Amino acid sequence: MIQAIFSDVIVKVHYEQMSNSIIIPDSALKQHAKFYGEVMSIGPECTIEIKVGDKIVFPRHEGFLIKSDQYDGFYKLKEDYCLAKVAD
């Protein structure tokens, strides 16, 4: 499994669909959706109160998309870009 370093957070990205009644192409969905993700790894210097498995909201233009066969859809974020924790 991928491990975050410093105060970084690794999240698996999920997209919140904007409508249940129309089909939205993936390219438009990624551009206009609210980004949220499941926390997969937390760096040892992270000071915010999150844990692996939490769902968080973050700005879609921040962070670094990790592209690989094994970790497609993962983002590396600075802890400052974790805007909110999503309640279950």
PDB file of N, CA and C in Angstrom:
ATOM      1  N   MET A   1       0.843  -1.184   0.000  1.00  0.00           N
ATOM      2  CA  MET A   1       0.000   0.000   0.000  1.00  0.00           C
ATOM      3  C   MET A   1       0.886   1.245   0.000  1.00  0.00           C
ATOM      4  N   ILE A   2       0.389   2.282  -0.602  1.00  0.00           N
ATOM      5  CA  ILE A   2       1.101   3.550  -0.679  1.00  0.00           C
ATOM      6  C   ILE A   2       1.093   4.229   0.692  1.00  0.00           C
ATOM      7  N   GLN A   3       2.199   4.859   1.076  1.00  0.00           N
ATOM      8  CA  GLN A   3       2.318   5.496   2.388  1.00  0.00           C
ATOM      9  C   GLN A   3       2.621   6.980   2.214  1.00  0.00           C
ATOM     10  N   ALA A   4       1.825   7.830   2.854  1.00  0.00           N
ATOM     11  CA  ALA A   4       2.055   9.275   2.826  1.00  0.00           C
ATOM     12  C   ALA A   4       3.284   9.611   3.679  1.00  0.00           C
ATOM     13  N   ILE A   5       3.960  10.704   3.314  1.00  0.00           N
ATOM     14  CA  ILE A   5       5.101  11.176   4.086  1.00  0.00           C
ATOM     15  C   ILE A   5       4.830  12.608   4.563  1.00  0.00           C
ATOM     16  N   PHE A   6       5.657  13.076   5.475  1.00  0.00           N
ATOM     17  CA  PHE A   6       5.546  14.421   6.053  1.00  0.00           C
ATOM     18  C   PHE A   6       4.121  14.657   6.553  1.00  0.00           C
ATOM     19  N   SER A   7       3.490  15.747   6.140  1.00  0.00           N
ATOM     20  CA  SER A   7       2.117  16.030   6.587  1.00  0.00           C
ATOM     21  C   SER A   7       1.124  15.805   5.451  1.00  0.00           C
ATOM     22  N   ASP A   8       1.491  14.954   4.495  1.00  0.00           N
ATOM     23  CA  ASP A   8       0.633  14.692   3.352  1.00  0.00           C
ATOM     24  C   ASP A   8      -0.451  13.670   3.700  1.00  0.00           C
ATOM     25  N   VAL A   9      -1.500  13.686   2.882  1.00  0.00           N
ATOM     26  CA  VAL A   9      -2.613  12.752   3.025  1.00  0.00           C
ATOM     27  C   VAL A   9      -2.856  12.139   1.649  1.00  0.00           C
ATOM     28  N   ILE A  10      -3.009  10.831   1.589  1.00  0.00           N
ATOM     29  CA  ILE A  10      -3.340  10.136   0.343  1.00  0.00           C
ATOM     30  C   ILE A  10      -4.820   9.783   0.400  1.00  0.00           C
ATOM     31  N   VAL A  11      -5.563  10.187  -0.649  1.00  0.00           N
ATOM     32  CA  VAL A  11      -6.995   9.889  -0.695  1.00  0.00           C
ATOM     33  C   VAL A  11      -7.344   9.169  -1.988  1.00  0.00           C
ATOM     34  N   LYS A  12      -8.308   8.275  -1.919  1.00  0.00           N
ATOM     35  CA  LYS A  12      -8.895   7.637  -3.107  1.00  0.00           C
ATOM     36  C   LYS A  12     -10.083   8.496  -3.478  1.00  0.00           C
ATOM     37  N   VAL A  13     -10.060   9.044  -4.682  1.00  0.00           N
ATOM     38  CA  VAL A  13     -11.049  10.029  -5.110  1.00  0.00           C
ATOM     39  C   VAL A  13     -12.377   9.378  -5.475  1.00  0.00           C
ATOM     40  N   HIS A  14     -13.449  10.039  -5.060  1.00  0.00           N
ATOM     41  CA  HIS A  14     -14.808   9.698  -5.458  1.00  0.00           C
ATOM     42  C   HIS A  14     -15.417  10.974  -6.013  1.00  0.00           C
ATOM     43  N   TYR A  15     -16.332  10.846  -6.945  1.00  0.00           N
ATOM     44  CA  TYR A  15     -17.008  12.001  -7.522  1.00  0.00           C
ATOM     45  C   TYR A  15     -18.467  11.964  -7.112  1.00  0.00           C
ATOM     46  N   GLU A  16     -18.991  13.111  -6.713  1.00  0.00           N
ATOM     47  CA  GLU A  16     -20.402  13.192  -6.354  1.00  0.00           C
ATOM     48  C   GLU A  16     -21.177  13.577  -7.596  1.00  0.00           C
ATOM     49  N   GLN A  17     -22.050  12.711  -8.067  1.00  0.00           N
ATOM     50  CA  GLN A  17     -22.803  13.002  -9.282  1.00  0.00           C
ATOM     51  C   GLN A  17     -23.741  14.172  -9.041  1.00  0.00           C
ATOM     52  N   MET A  18     -23.918  14.979 -10.079  1.00  0.00           N
ATOM     53  CA  MET A  18     -24.721  16.183  -9.967  1.00  0.00           C
ATOM     54  C   MET A  18     -26.187  15.933 -10.276  1.00  0.00           C
ATOM     55  N   SER A  19     -26.521  14.834 -10.884  1.00  0.00           N
ATOM     56  CA  SER A  19     -27.903  14.575 -11.256  1.00  0.00           C
ATOM     57  C   SER A  19     -28.123  13.074 -11.362  1.00  0.00           C
ATOM     58  N   ASN A  20     -29.297  12.630 -10.950  1.00  0.00           N
ATOM     59  CA  ASN A  20     -29.650  11.219 -11.095  1.00  0.00           C
ATOM     60  C   ASN A  20     -30.474  10.965 -12.346  1.00  0.00           C
ATOM     61  N   SER A  21     -30.899  12.052 -13.025  1.00  0.00           N
ATOM     62  CA  SER A  21     -31.825  11.870 -14.136  1.00  0.00           C
ATOM     63  C   SER A  21     -31.197  12.038 -15.513  1.00  0.00           C
ATOM     64  N   ILE A  22     -29.943  12.496 -15.593  1.00  0.00           N
ATOM     65  CA  ILE A  22     -29.287  12.637 -16.889  1.00  0.00           C
ATOM     66  C   ILE A  22     -27.930  11.952 -16.846  1.00  0.00           C
ATOM     67  N   ILE A  23     -27.421  11.633 -18.014  1.00  0.00           N
ATOM     68  CA  ILE A  23     -26.101  11.020 -18.100  1.00  0.00           C
ATOM     69  C   ILE A  23     -25.079  12.138 -18.269  1.00  0.00           C
ATOM     70  N   ILE A  24     -24.079  12.138 -17.398  1.00  0.00           N
ATOM     71  CA  ILE A  24     -23.032  13.155 -17.447  1.00  0.00           C
ATOM     72  C   ILE A  24     -21.727  12.470 -17.852  1.00  0.00           C
ATOM     73  N   PRO A  25     -21.077  12.924 -18.932  1.00  0.00           N
ATOM     74  CA  PRO A  25     -19.807  12.311 -19.334  1.00  0.00           C
ATOM     75  C   PRO A  25     -18.762  12.441 -18.228  1.00  0.00           C
ATOM     76  N   ASP A  26     -17.859  11.449 -18.147  1.00  0.00           N
ATOM     77  CA  ASP A  26     -16.817  11.473 -17.123  1.00  0.00           C
ATOM     78  C   ASP A  26     -16.013  12.763 -17.145  1.00  0.00           C
ATOM     79  N   SER A  27     -15.693  13.265 -18.336  1.00  0.00           N
ATOM     80  CA  SER A  27     -14.881  14.488 -18.420  1.00  0.00           C
ATOM     81  C   SER A  27     -15.605  15.675 -17.778  1.00  0.00           C
ATOM     82  N   ALA A  28     -16.898  15.790 -17.989  1.00  0.00           N
ATOM     83  CA  ALA A  28     -17.672  16.874 -17.380  1.00  0.00           C
ATOM     84  C   ALA A  28     -17.845  16.634 -15.893  1.00  0.00           C
ATOM     85  N   LEU A  29     -18.052  15.402 -15.510  1.00  0.00           N
ATOM     86  CA  LEU A  29     -18.219  15.075 -14.107  1.00  0.00           C
ATOM     87  C   LEU A  29     -16.977  15.449 -13.314  1.00  0.00           C
ATOM     88  N   LYS A  30     -15.795  15.095 -13.840  1.00  0.00           N
ATOM     89  CA  LYS A  30     -14.551  15.414 -13.145  1.00  0.00           C
ATOM     90  C   LYS A  30     -14.323  16.914 -13.073  1.00  0.00           C
ATOM     91  N   GLN A  31     -14.793  17.649 -14.068  1.00  0.00           N
ATOM     92  CA  GLN A  31     -14.568  19.084 -14.106  1.00  0.00           C
ATOM     93  C   GLN A  31     -15.489  19.836 -13.156  1.00  0.00           C
ATOM     94  N   HIS A  32     -16.731  19.375 -12.992  1.00  0.00           N
ATOM     95  CA  HIS A  32     -17.713  20.140 -12.242  1.00  0.00           C
ATOM     96  C   HIS A  32     -18.153  19.498 -10.934  1.00  0.00           C
ATOM     97  N   ALA A  33     -17.681  18.325 -10.640  1.00  0.00           N
ATOM     98  CA  ALA A  33     -18.118  17.633  -9.431  1.00  0.00           C
ATOM     99  C   ALA A  33     -17.413  18.170  -8.202  1.00  0.00           C
ATOM    100  N   LYS A  34     -18.043  17.922  -7.068  1.00  0.00           N
ATOM    101  CA  LYS A  34     -17.371  18.180  -5.797  1.00  0.00           C
ATOM    102  C   LYS A  34     -16.458  16.983  -5.564  1.00  0.00           C
ATOM    103  N   PHE A  35     -15.217  17.229  -5.206  1.00  0.00           N
ATOM    104  CA  PHE A  35     -14.304  16.124  -4.941  1.00  0.00           C
ATOM    105  C   PHE A  35     -14.404  15.729  -3.479  1.00  0.00           C
ATOM    106  N   TYR A  36     -14.509  14.468  -3.262  1.00  0.00           N
ATOM    107  CA  TYR A  36     -14.317  13.939  -1.931  1.00  0.00           C
ATOM    108  C   TYR A  36     -13.605  12.614  -2.082  1.00  0.00           C
ATOM    109  N   GLY A  37     -12.995  12.181  -1.022  1.00  0.00           N
ATOM    110  CA  GLY A  37     -12.254  10.950  -1.111  1.00  0.00           C
ATOM    111  C   GLY A  37     -12.119  10.264   0.223  1.00  0.00           C
ATOM    112  N   GLU A  38     -11.746   9.022   0.149  1.00  0.00           N
ATOM    113  CA  GLU A  38     -11.513   8.229   1.352  1.00  0.00           C
ATOM    114  C   GLU A  38     -10.032   8.285   1.683  1.00  0.00           C
ATOM    115  N   VAL A  39      -9.714   8.598   2.928  1.00  0.00           N
ATOM    116  CA  VAL A  39      -8.331   8.686   3.376  1.00  0.00           C
ATOM    117  C   VAL A  39      -7.723   7.287   3.376  1.00  0.00           C
ATOM    118  N   MET A  40      -6.631   7.126   2.627  1.00  0.00           N
ATOM    119  CA  MET A  40      -5.956   5.839   2.525  1.00  0.00           C
ATOM    120  C   MET A  40      -4.682   5.786   3.362  1.00  0.00           C
ATOM    121  N   SER A  41      -4.042   6.956   3.546  1.00  0.00           N
ATOM    122  CA  SER A  41      -2.786   7.014   4.286  1.00  0.00           C
ATOM    123  C   SER A  41      -2.581   8.433   4.797  1.00  0.00           C
ATOM    124  N   ILE A  42      -1.979   8.544   5.976  1.00  0.00           N
ATOM    125  CA  ILE A  42      -1.719   9.837   6.610  1.00  0.00           C
ATOM    126  C   ILE A  42      -0.246   9.899   6.974  1.00  0.00           C
ATOM    127  N   GLY A  43       0.400  11.010   6.606  1.00  0.00           N
ATOM    128  CA  GLY A  43       1.812  11.187   6.941  1.00  0.00           C
ATOM    129  C   GLY A  43       2.021  11.342   8.434  1.00  0.00           C
ATOM    130  N   PRO A  44       3.216  11.002   8.935  1.00  0.00           N
ATOM    131  CA  PRO A  44       3.485  11.031  10.371  1.00  0.00           C
ATOM    132  C   PRO A  44       3.472  12.428  10.979  1.00  0.00           C
ATOM    133  N   GLU A  45       3.606  13.469  10.172  1.00  0.00           N
ATOM    134  CA  GLU A  45       3.615  14.835  10.694  1.00  0.00           C
ATOM    135  C   GLU A  45       2.257  15.532  10.551  1.00  0.00           C
ATOM    136  N   CYS A  46       1.244  14.814  10.107  1.00  0.00           N
ATOM    137  CA  CYS A  46      -0.089  15.394   9.921  1.00  0.00           C
ATOM    138  C   CYS A  46      -0.686  15.764  11.279  1.00  0.00           C
ATOM    139  N   THR A  47      -1.229  16.978  11.384  1.00  0.00           N
ATOM    140  CA  THR A  47      -1.744  17.467  12.665  1.00  0.00           C
ATOM    141  C   THR A  47      -3.270  17.552  12.716  1.00  0.00           C
ATOM    142  N   ILE A  48      -3.950  17.293  11.604  1.00  0.00           N
ATOM    143  CA  ILE A  48      -5.406  17.385  11.634  1.00  0.00           C
ATOM    144  C   ILE A  48      -6.011  16.070  12.122  1.00  0.00           C
ATOM    145  N   GLU A  49      -7.231  16.152  12.638  1.00  0.00           N
ATOM    146  CA  GLU A  49      -7.868  14.990  13.244  1.00  0.00           C
ATOM    147  C   GLU A  49      -8.645  14.176  12.205  1.00  0.00           C
ATOM    148  N   ILE A  50      -7.905  13.393  11.439  1.00  0.00           N
ATOM    149  CA  ILE A  50      -8.513  12.453  10.503  1.00  0.00           C
ATOM    150  C   ILE A  50      -7.826  11.109  10.687  1.00  0.00           C
ATOM    151  N   LYS A  51      -8.478  10.072  10.198  1.00  0.00           N
ATOM    152  CA  LYS A  51      -7.883   8.735  10.279  1.00  0.00           C
ATOM    153  C   LYS A  51      -8.154   8.000   8.973  1.00  0.00           C
ATOM    154  N   VAL A  52      -7.428   6.949   8.744  1.00  0.00           N
ATOM    155  CA  VAL A  52      -7.633   6.125   7.549  1.00  0.00           C
ATOM    156  C   VAL A  52      -9.075   5.641   7.550  1.00  0.00           C
ATOM    157  N   GLY A  53      -9.719   5.769   6.392  1.00  0.00           N
ATOM    158  CA  GLY A  53     -11.110   5.371   6.254  1.00  0.00           C
ATOM    159  C   GLY A  53     -12.083   6.542   6.305  1.00  0.00           C
ATOM    160  N   ASP A  54     -11.654   7.692   6.863  1.00  0.00           N
ATOM    161  CA  ASP A  54     -12.507   8.876   6.875  1.00  0.00           C
ATOM    162  C   ASP A  54     -12.725   9.367   5.457  1.00  0.00           C
ATOM    163  N   LYS A  55     -13.865   9.992   5.222  1.00  0.00           N
ATOM    164  CA  LYS A  55     -14.129  10.643   3.938  1.00  0.00           C
ATOM    165  C   LYS A  55     -13.962  12.143   4.134  1.00  0.00           C
ATOM    166  N   ILE A  56     -13.228  12.784   3.216  1.00  0.00           N
ATOM    167  CA  ILE A  56     -12.963  14.212   3.317  1.00  0.00           C
ATOM    168  C   ILE A  56     -13.326  14.918   2.014  1.00  0.00           C
ATOM    169  N   VAL A  57     -13.551  16.213   2.106  1.00  0.00           N
ATOM    170  CA  VAL A  57     -13.796  17.076   0.959  1.00  0.00           C
ATOM    171  C   VAL A  57     -12.537  17.892   0.729  1.00  0.00           C
ATOM    172  N   PHE A  58     -12.188  18.090  -0.554  1.00  0.00           N
ATOM    173  CA  PHE A  58     -11.008  18.895  -0.868  1.00  0.00           C
ATOM    174  C   PHE A  58     -11.204  19.604  -2.192  1.00  0.00           C
ATOM    175  N   PRO A  59     -10.478  20.718  -2.415  1.00  0.00           N
ATOM    176  CA  PRO A  59     -10.612  21.460  -3.674  1.00  0.00           C
ATOM    177  C   PRO A  59     -10.126  20.615  -4.842  1.00  0.00           C
ATOM    178  N   ARG A  60     -10.852  20.643  -5.948  1.00  0.00           N
ATOM    179  CA  ARG A  60     -10.516  19.767  -7.073  1.00  0.00           C
ATOM    180  C   ARG A  60      -9.239  20.170  -7.791  1.00  0.00           C
ATOM    181  N   HIS A  61      -8.782  21.394  -7.615  1.00  0.00           N
ATOM    182  CA  HIS A  61      -7.566  21.841  -8.302  1.00  0.00           C
ATOM    183  C   HIS A  61      -6.308  21.696  -7.443  1.00  0.00           C
ATOM    184  N   GLU A  62      -6.451  21.186  -6.255  1.00  0.00           N
ATOM    185  CA  GLU A  62      -5.295  21.051  -5.369  1.00  0.00           C
ATOM    186  C   GLU A  62      -4.851  19.595  -5.313  1.00  0.00           C
ATOM    187  N   GLY A  63      -3.630  19.411  -4.929  1.00  0.00           N
ATOM    188  CA  GLY A  63      -3.113  18.064  -4.790  1.00  0.00           C
ATOM    189  C   GLY A  63      -2.453  17.569  -6.060  1.00  0.00           C
ATOM    190  N   PHE A  64      -1.953  16.371  -5.967  1.00  0.00           N
ATOM    191  CA  PHE A  64      -1.208  15.742  -7.053  1.00  0.00           C
ATOM    192  C   PHE A  64      -1.843  14.404  -7.358  1.00  0.00           C
ATOM    193  N   LEU A  65      -2.303  14.233  -8.594  1.00  0.00           N
ATOM    194  CA  LEU A  65      -2.905  12.969  -9.006  1.00  0.00           C
ATOM    195  C   LEU A  65      -1.807  11.934  -9.188  1.00  0.00           C
ATOM    196  N   ILE A  66      -1.943  10.804  -8.522  1.00  0.00           N
ATOM    197  CA  ILE A  66      -0.986   9.711  -8.639  1.00  0.00           C
ATOM    198  C   ILE A  66      -1.472   8.808  -9.759  1.00  0.00           C
ATOM    199  N   LYS A  67      -0.682   8.670 -10.798  1.00  0.00           N
ATOM    200  CA  LYS A  67      -1.083   7.844 -11.937  1.00  0.00           C
ATOM    201  C   LYS A  67      -0.214   6.597 -11.988  1.00  0.00           C
ATOM    202  N   SER A  68      -0.852   5.478 -11.776  1.00  0.00           N
ATOM    203  CA  SER A  68      -0.188   4.188 -11.919  1.00  0.00           C
ATOM    204  C   SER A  68      -1.279   3.138 -12.058  1.00  0.00           C
ATOM    205  N   ASP A  69      -0.914   1.951 -12.485  1.00  0.00           N
ATOM    206  CA  ASP A  69      -1.892   0.876 -12.638  1.00  0.00           C
ATOM    207  C   ASP A  69      -2.527   0.504 -11.300  1.00  0.00           C
ATOM    208  N   GLN A  70      -1.736   0.524 -10.263  1.00  0.00           N
ATOM    209  CA  GLN A  70      -2.200   0.062  -8.961  1.00  0.00           C
ATOM    210  C   GLN A  70      -2.965   1.138  -8.193  1.00  0.00           C
ATOM    211  N   TYR A  71      -2.624   2.418  -8.381  1.00  0.00           N
ATOM    212  CA  TYR A  71      -3.196   3.487  -7.567  1.00  0.00           C
ATOM    213  C   TYR A  71      -3.953   4.511  -8.395  1.00  0.00           C
ATOM    214  N   ASP A  72      -4.682   4.085  -9.394  1.00  0.00           N
ATOM    215  CA  ASP A  72      -5.454   4.995 -10.234  1.00  0.00           C
ATOM    216  C   ASP A  72      -6.538   5.669  -9.393  1.00  0.00           C
ATOM    217  N   GLY A  73      -6.649   6.986  -9.501  1.00  0.00           N
ATOM    218  CA  GLY A  73      -7.658   7.718  -8.749  1.00  0.00           C
ATOM    219  C   GLY A  73      -7.220   8.131  -7.367  1.00  0.00           C
ATOM    220  N   PHE A  74      -5.921   8.041  -7.077  1.00  0.00           N
ATOM    221  CA  PHE A  74      -5.409   8.463  -5.782  1.00  0.00           C
ATOM    222  C   PHE A  74      -4.821   9.869  -5.911  1.00  0.00           C
ATOM    223  N   TYR A  75      -5.021  10.688  -4.898  1.00  0.00           N
ATOM    224  CA  TYR A  75      -4.444  12.032  -4.840  1.00  0.00           C
ATOM    225  C   TYR A  75      -3.556  12.156  -3.613  1.00  0.00           C
ATOM    226  N   LYS A  76      -2.468  12.888  -3.766  1.00  0.00           N
ATOM    227  CA  LYS A  76      -1.620  13.261  -2.634  1.00  0.00           C
ATOM    228  C   LYS A  76      -1.934  14.718  -2.335  1.00  0.00           C
ATOM    229  N   LEU A  77      -2.372  14.997  -1.108  1.00  0.00           N
ATOM    230  CA  LEU A  77      -2.756  16.341  -0.697  1.00  0.00           C
ATOM    231  C   LEU A  77      -1.921  16.801   0.482  1.00  0.00           C
ATOM    232  N   LYS A  78      -1.691  18.093   0.566  1.00  0.00           N
ATOM    233  CA  LYS A  78      -1.167  18.674   1.796  1.00  0.00           C
ATOM    234  C   LYS A  78      -2.321  18.713   2.786  1.00  0.00           C
ATOM    235  N   GLU A  79      -2.047  18.576   4.053  1.00  0.00           N
ATOM    236  CA  GLU A  79      -3.122  18.546   5.046  1.00  0.00           C
ATOM    237  C   GLU A  79      -3.971  19.814   5.021  1.00  0.00           C
ATOM    238  N   ASP A  80      -3.400  20.941   4.601  1.00  0.00           N
ATOM    239  CA  ASP A  80      -4.150  22.205   4.539  1.00  0.00           C
ATOM    240  C   ASP A  80      -5.307  22.151   3.554  1.00  0.00           C
ATOM    241  N   TYR A  81      -5.269  21.241   2.574  1.00  0.00           N
ATOM    242  CA  TYR A  81      -6.320  21.158   1.574  1.00  0.00           C
ATOM    243  C   TYR A  81      -7.458  20.230   1.968  1.00  0.00           C
ATOM    244  N   CYS A  82      -7.357  19.605   3.109  1.00  0.00           N
ATOM    245  CA  CYS A  82      -8.461  18.788   3.629  1.00  0.00           C
ATOM    246  C   CYS A  82      -9.463  19.760   4.260  1.00  0.00           C
ATOM    247  N   LEU A  83     -10.554  20.035   3.558  1.00  0.00           N
ATOM    248  CA  LEU A  83     -11.482  21.091   3.971  1.00  0.00           C
ATOM    249  C   LEU A  83     -12.471  20.652   5.055  1.00  0.00           C
ATOM    250  N   ALA A  84     -12.930  19.423   4.964  1.00  0.00           N
ATOM    251  CA  ALA A  84     -13.932  18.963   5.919  1.00  0.00           C
ATOM    252  C   ALA A  84     -13.993  17.457   5.913  1.00  0.00           C
ATOM    253  N   LYS A  85     -14.430  16.916   7.029  1.00  0.00           N
ATOM    254  CA  LYS A  85     -14.675  15.491   7.144  1.00  0.00           C
ATOM    255  C   LYS A  85     -16.168  15.266   6.888  1.00  0.00           C
ATOM    256  N   VAL A  86     -16.490  14.234   6.093  1.00  0.00           N
ATOM    257  CA  VAL A  86     -17.885  13.939   5.754  1.00  0.00           C
ATOM    258  C   VAL A  86     -18.433  12.959   6.778  1.00  0.00           C
ATOM    259  N   ALA A  87     -19.542  13.323   7.392  1.00  0.00           N
ATOM    260  CA  ALA A  87     -20.179  12.443   8.383  1.00  0.00           C
ATOM    261  C   ALA A  87     -20.883  11.302   7.665  1.00  0.00           C
ATOM    262  N   ASP A  88     -20.848  10.137   8.252  1.00  0.00           N
ATOM    263  CA  ASP A  88     -21.523   8.966   7.671  1.00  0.00           C
ATOM    264  C   ASP A  88     -23.012   9.020   7.888  1.00  0.00           C
TER     265      ASP A  88
END
